[in-house]
Amino acid sequence: MDSESIKAEVVKQVRTQYAMDNAKQLIEKINEHCFDKCVPKPGTSLSNSEQTCFTQCMEKYMSAWNQVSTTYISRLQREQ
């Protein structure tokens, strides 16, 4: 294996780890933000309104996250 192949593999692994870390962070933020917003008194199950609120909050948060990520990646690619 030559040095370019090794470098490419390391870059691939770093990108994969970065993507996994971002996904983990997204899930944590969604849980933190949406749960606090939509479930004022946690119980054994979620009510229909809590489920609806949580679903809508999660969809909005993920949409915003995707837009920010897409813009950030695009910007990085232009700077290279």
N, C-alpha and C. Protein backbone atom coordinates (compact mmCIF):
# COMPACT_ATOMS: atom_id res chain seq x y z
N MET A 1 0.85 -1.18 0.00
CA MET A 1 0.00 0.00 0.00
C MET A 1 0.90 1.24 0.00
N ASP A 2 0.68 2.13 -0.95
CA ASP A 2 1.50 3.33 -1.02
C ASP A 2 0.97 4.42 -0.10
N SER A 3 1.75 5.48 0.04
CA SER A 3 1.39 6.54 0.98
C SER A 3 0.09 7.25 0.59
N GLU A 4 -0.20 7.36 -0.70
CA GLU A 4 -1.45 8.00 -1.12
C GLU A 4 -2.66 7.16 -0.73
N SER A 5 -2.53 5.86 -0.85
CA SER A 5 -3.61 4.95 -0.46
C SER A 5 -3.85 5.02 1.04
N ILE A 6 -2.78 5.05 1.80
CA ILE A 6 -2.89 5.15 3.26
C ILE A 6 -3.54 6.47 3.64
N LYS A 7 -3.10 7.54 3.00
CA LYS A 7 -3.66 8.86 3.28
C LYS A 7 -5.15 8.88 2.96
N ALA A 8 -5.53 8.32 1.82
CA ALA A 8 -6.94 8.30 1.42
C ALA A 8 -7.77 7.50 2.42
N GLU A 9 -7.23 6.40 2.90
CA GLU A 9 -7.94 5.57 3.88
C GLU A 9 -8.11 6.31 5.21
N VAL A 10 -7.08 7.00 5.64
CA VAL A 10 -7.16 7.77 6.90
C VAL A 10 -8.19 8.88 6.76
N VAL A 11 -8.17 9.58 5.63
CA VAL A 11 -9.14 10.66 5.40
C VAL A 11 -10.56 10.09 5.41
N LYS A 12 -10.75 8.94 4.79
CA LYS A 12 -12.06 8.29 4.76
C LYS A 12 -12.52 7.95 6.18
N GLN A 13 -11.61 7.40 6.98
CA GLN A 13 -11.95 7.05 8.36
C GLN A 13 -12.28 8.29 9.19
N VAL A 14 -11.54 9.36 9.00
CA VAL A 14 -11.81 10.60 9.73
C VAL A 14 -13.18 11.15 9.35
N ARG A 15 -13.48 11.14 8.07
CA ARG A 15 -14.79 11.64 7.60
C ARG A 15 -15.93 10.79 8.16
N THR A 16 -15.73 9.49 8.18
CA THR A 16 -16.75 8.60 8.72
C THR A 16 -16.97 8.88 10.20
N GLN A 17 -15.89 9.03 10.94
CA GLN A 17 -16.00 9.33 12.38
C GLN A 17 -16.67 10.68 12.60
N TYR A 18 -16.32 11.65 11.77
CA TYR A 18 -16.92 12.98 11.87
C TYR A 18 -18.42 12.91 11.61
N ALA A 19 -18.82 12.15 10.60
CA ALA A 19 -20.25 12.00 10.30
C ALA A 19 -20.98 11.31 11.45
N MET A 20 -20.36 10.31 12.04
CA MET A 20 -20.98 9.61 13.17
C MET A 20 -21.10 10.54 14.38
N ASP A 21 -20.07 11.33 14.63
CA ASP A 21 -20.11 12.29 15.74
C ASP A 21 -21.21 13.33 15.51
N ASN A 22 -21.34 13.79 14.27
CA ASN A 22 -22.40 14.75 13.95
C ASN A 22 -23.78 14.15 14.16
N ALA A 23 -23.96 12.92 13.74
CA ALA A 23 -25.26 12.25 13.92
C ALA A 23 -25.57 12.10 15.41
N LYS A 24 -24.57 11.72 16.18
CA LYS A 24 -24.77 11.59 17.63
C LYS A 24 -25.13 12.94 18.25
N GLN A 25 -24.43 13.97 17.83
CA GLN A 25 -24.71 15.30 18.35
C GLN A 25 -26.11 15.75 17.97
N LEU A 26 -26.52 15.46 16.74
CA LEU A 26 -27.87 15.82 16.30
C LEU A 26 -28.92 15.14 17.15
N ILE A 27 -28.76 13.86 17.40
CA ILE A 27 -29.73 13.12 18.22
C ILE A 27 -29.77 13.68 19.64
N GLU A 28 -28.62 13.97 20.20
CA GLU A 28 -28.58 14.53 21.55
C GLU A 28 -29.27 15.88 21.61
N LYS A 29 -29.02 16.73 20.63
CA LYS A 29 -29.63 18.06 20.61
C LYS A 29 -31.13 17.98 20.41
N ILE A 30 -31.57 17.08 19.53
CA ILE A 30 -33.01 16.91 19.31
C ILE A 30 -33.67 16.46 20.60
N ASN A 31 -33.09 15.45 21.24
CA ASN A 31 -33.66 14.96 22.49
C ASN A 31 -33.70 16.06 23.54
N GLU A 32 -32.61 16.76 23.67
CA GLU A 32 -32.51 17.82 24.68
C GLU A 32 -33.53 18.93 24.40
N HIS A 33 -33.52 19.45 23.18
CA HIS A 33 -34.37 20.59 22.84
C HIS A 33 -35.84 20.19 22.76
N CYS A 34 -36.15 19.17 21.98
CA CYS A 34 -37.54 18.82 21.73
C CYS A 34 -38.20 18.17 22.94
N PHE A 35 -37.46 17.36 23.66
CA PHE A 35 -38.06 16.73 24.84
C PHE A 35 -38.42 17.79 25.88
N ASP A 36 -37.50 18.72 26.11
CA ASP A 36 -37.78 19.78 27.08
C ASP A 36 -38.97 20.62 26.64
N LYS A 37 -39.07 20.87 25.35
CA LYS A 37 -40.15 21.71 24.83
C LYS A 37 -41.50 20.99 24.85
N CYS A 38 -41.51 19.71 24.52
CA CYS A 38 -42.76 19.00 24.27
C CYS A 38 -43.25 18.13 25.41
N VAL A 39 -42.40 17.80 26.36
CA VAL A 39 -42.80 16.90 27.44
C VAL A 39 -42.54 17.59 28.77
N PRO A 40 -43.51 18.41 29.21
CA PRO A 40 -43.31 19.17 30.45
C PRO A 40 -43.27 18.29 31.70
N LYS A 41 -44.06 17.21 31.69
CA LYS A 41 -44.10 16.31 32.84
C LYS A 41 -43.94 14.88 32.35
N PRO A 42 -42.71 14.36 32.34
CA PRO A 42 -42.49 13.00 31.86
C PRO A 42 -43.28 11.97 32.66
N GLY A 43 -43.82 11.01 31.94
CA GLY A 43 -44.55 9.92 32.57
C GLY A 43 -44.13 8.60 31.95
N THR A 44 -45.01 7.63 32.04
CA THR A 44 -44.68 6.30 31.50
C THR A 44 -44.84 6.23 29.99
N SER A 45 -45.61 7.15 29.42
CA SER A 45 -45.78 7.19 27.96
C SER A 45 -46.07 8.62 27.54
N LEU A 46 -45.94 8.86 26.23
CA LEU A 46 -46.22 10.20 25.69
C LEU A 46 -47.67 10.30 25.27
N SER A 47 -48.29 11.43 25.54
CA SER A 47 -49.65 11.67 25.05
C SER A 47 -49.60 11.93 23.55
N ASN A 48 -50.76 11.93 22.91
CA ASN A 48 -50.81 12.19 21.47
C ASN A 48 -50.26 13.58 21.15
N SER A 49 -50.61 14.57 21.96
CA SER A 49 -50.12 15.92 21.69
C SER A 49 -48.61 16.01 21.88
N GLU A 50 -48.07 15.29 22.88
CA GLU A 50 -46.63 15.27 23.09
C GLU A 50 -45.92 14.59 21.92
N GLN A 51 -46.49 13.50 21.42
CA GLN A 51 -45.90 12.80 20.27
C GLN A 51 -45.90 13.70 19.04
N THR A 52 -47.02 14.39 18.80
CA THR A 52 -47.12 15.29 17.65
C THR A 52 -46.12 16.43 17.78
N CYS A 53 -46.05 17.03 18.94
CA CYS A 53 -45.10 18.13 19.19
C CYS A 53 -43.67 17.65 18.97
N PHE A 54 -43.34 16.49 19.52
CA PHE A 54 -41.98 15.96 19.42
C PHE A 54 -41.63 15.67 17.96
N THR A 55 -42.56 15.08 17.22
CA THR A 55 -42.32 14.76 15.81
C THR A 55 -42.11 16.03 15.00
N GLN A 56 -42.96 17.02 15.20
CA GLN A 56 -42.82 18.27 14.45
C GLN A 56 -41.53 19.00 14.83
N CYS A 57 -41.20 19.02 16.08
CA CYS A 57 -39.97 19.67 16.55
C CYS A 57 -38.76 18.97 15.95
N MET A 58 -38.77 17.65 15.98
CA MET A 58 -37.66 16.87 15.44
C MET A 58 -37.50 17.14 13.94
N GLU A 59 -38.59 17.17 13.20
CA GLU A 59 -38.52 17.42 11.76
C GLU A 59 -37.97 18.81 11.47
N LYS A 60 -38.40 19.80 12.22
CA LYS A 60 -37.89 21.16 12.03
C LYS A 60 -36.41 21.25 12.36
N TYR A 61 -36.02 20.62 13.46
CA TYR A 61 -34.63 20.66 13.90
C TYR A 61 -33.73 19.97 12.88
N MET A 62 -34.16 18.82 12.38
CA MET A 62 -33.37 18.09 11.40
C MET A 62 -33.27 18.85 10.07
N SER A 63 -34.35 19.50 9.69
CA SER A 63 -34.34 20.29 8.46
C SER A 63 -33.34 21.44 8.58
N ALA A 64 -33.37 22.12 9.71
CA ALA A 64 -32.43 23.22 9.94
C ALA A 64 -31.00 22.69 9.99
N TRP A 65 -30.78 21.58 10.66
CA TRP A 65 -29.45 20.97 10.76
C TRP A 65 -28.93 20.61 9.36
N ASN A 66 -29.80 20.01 8.55
CA ASN A 66 -29.39 19.63 7.19
C ASN A 66 -29.02 20.85 6.36
N GLN A 67 -29.79 21.92 6.51
CA GLN A 67 -29.49 23.14 5.75
C GLN A 67 -28.15 23.73 6.17
N VAL A 68 -27.91 23.79 7.45
CA VAL A 68 -26.64 24.31 7.96
C VAL A 68 -25.49 23.41 7.49
N SER A 69 -25.66 22.11 7.59
CA SER A 69 -24.60 21.17 7.17
C SER A 69 -24.31 21.30 5.69
N THR A 70 -25.35 21.38 4.87
CA THR A 70 -25.18 21.50 3.42
C THR A 70 -24.44 22.79 3.08
N THR A 71 -24.83 23.87 3.71
CA THR A 71 -24.18 25.15 3.46
C THR A 71 -22.73 25.12 3.91
N TYR A 72 -22.47 24.52 5.05
CA TYR A 72 -21.11 24.44 5.58
C TYR A 72 -20.22 23.60 4.65
N ILE A 73 -20.71 22.46 4.23
CA ILE A 73 -19.94 21.59 3.34
C ILE A 73 -19.68 22.29 2.02
N SER A 74 -20.68 22.95 1.49
CA SER A 74 -20.53 23.69 0.23
C SER A 74 -19.46 24.75 0.37
N ARG A 75 -19.47 25.44 1.47
CA ARG A 75 -18.48 26.49 1.72
C ARG A 75 -17.07 25.92 1.82
N LEU A 76 -16.94 24.80 2.52
CA LEU A 76 -15.64 24.16 2.63
C LEU A 76 -15.11 23.72 1.26
N GLN A 77 -15.99 23.19 0.45
CA GLN A 77 -15.58 22.73 -0.88
C GLN A 77 -15.14 23.89 -1.76
N ARG A 78 -15.79 25.02 -1.66
CA ARG A 78 -15.39 26.20 -2.43
C ARG A 78 -14.03 26.73 -2.01
N GLU A 79 -13.70 26.58 -0.72
CA GLU A 79 -12.44 27.11 -0.19
C GLU A 79 -11.25 26.22 -0.52
N GLN A 80 -11.49 25.01 -0.95
CA GLN A 80 -10.37 24.10 -1.24
C GLN A 80 -9.71 24.40 -2.55
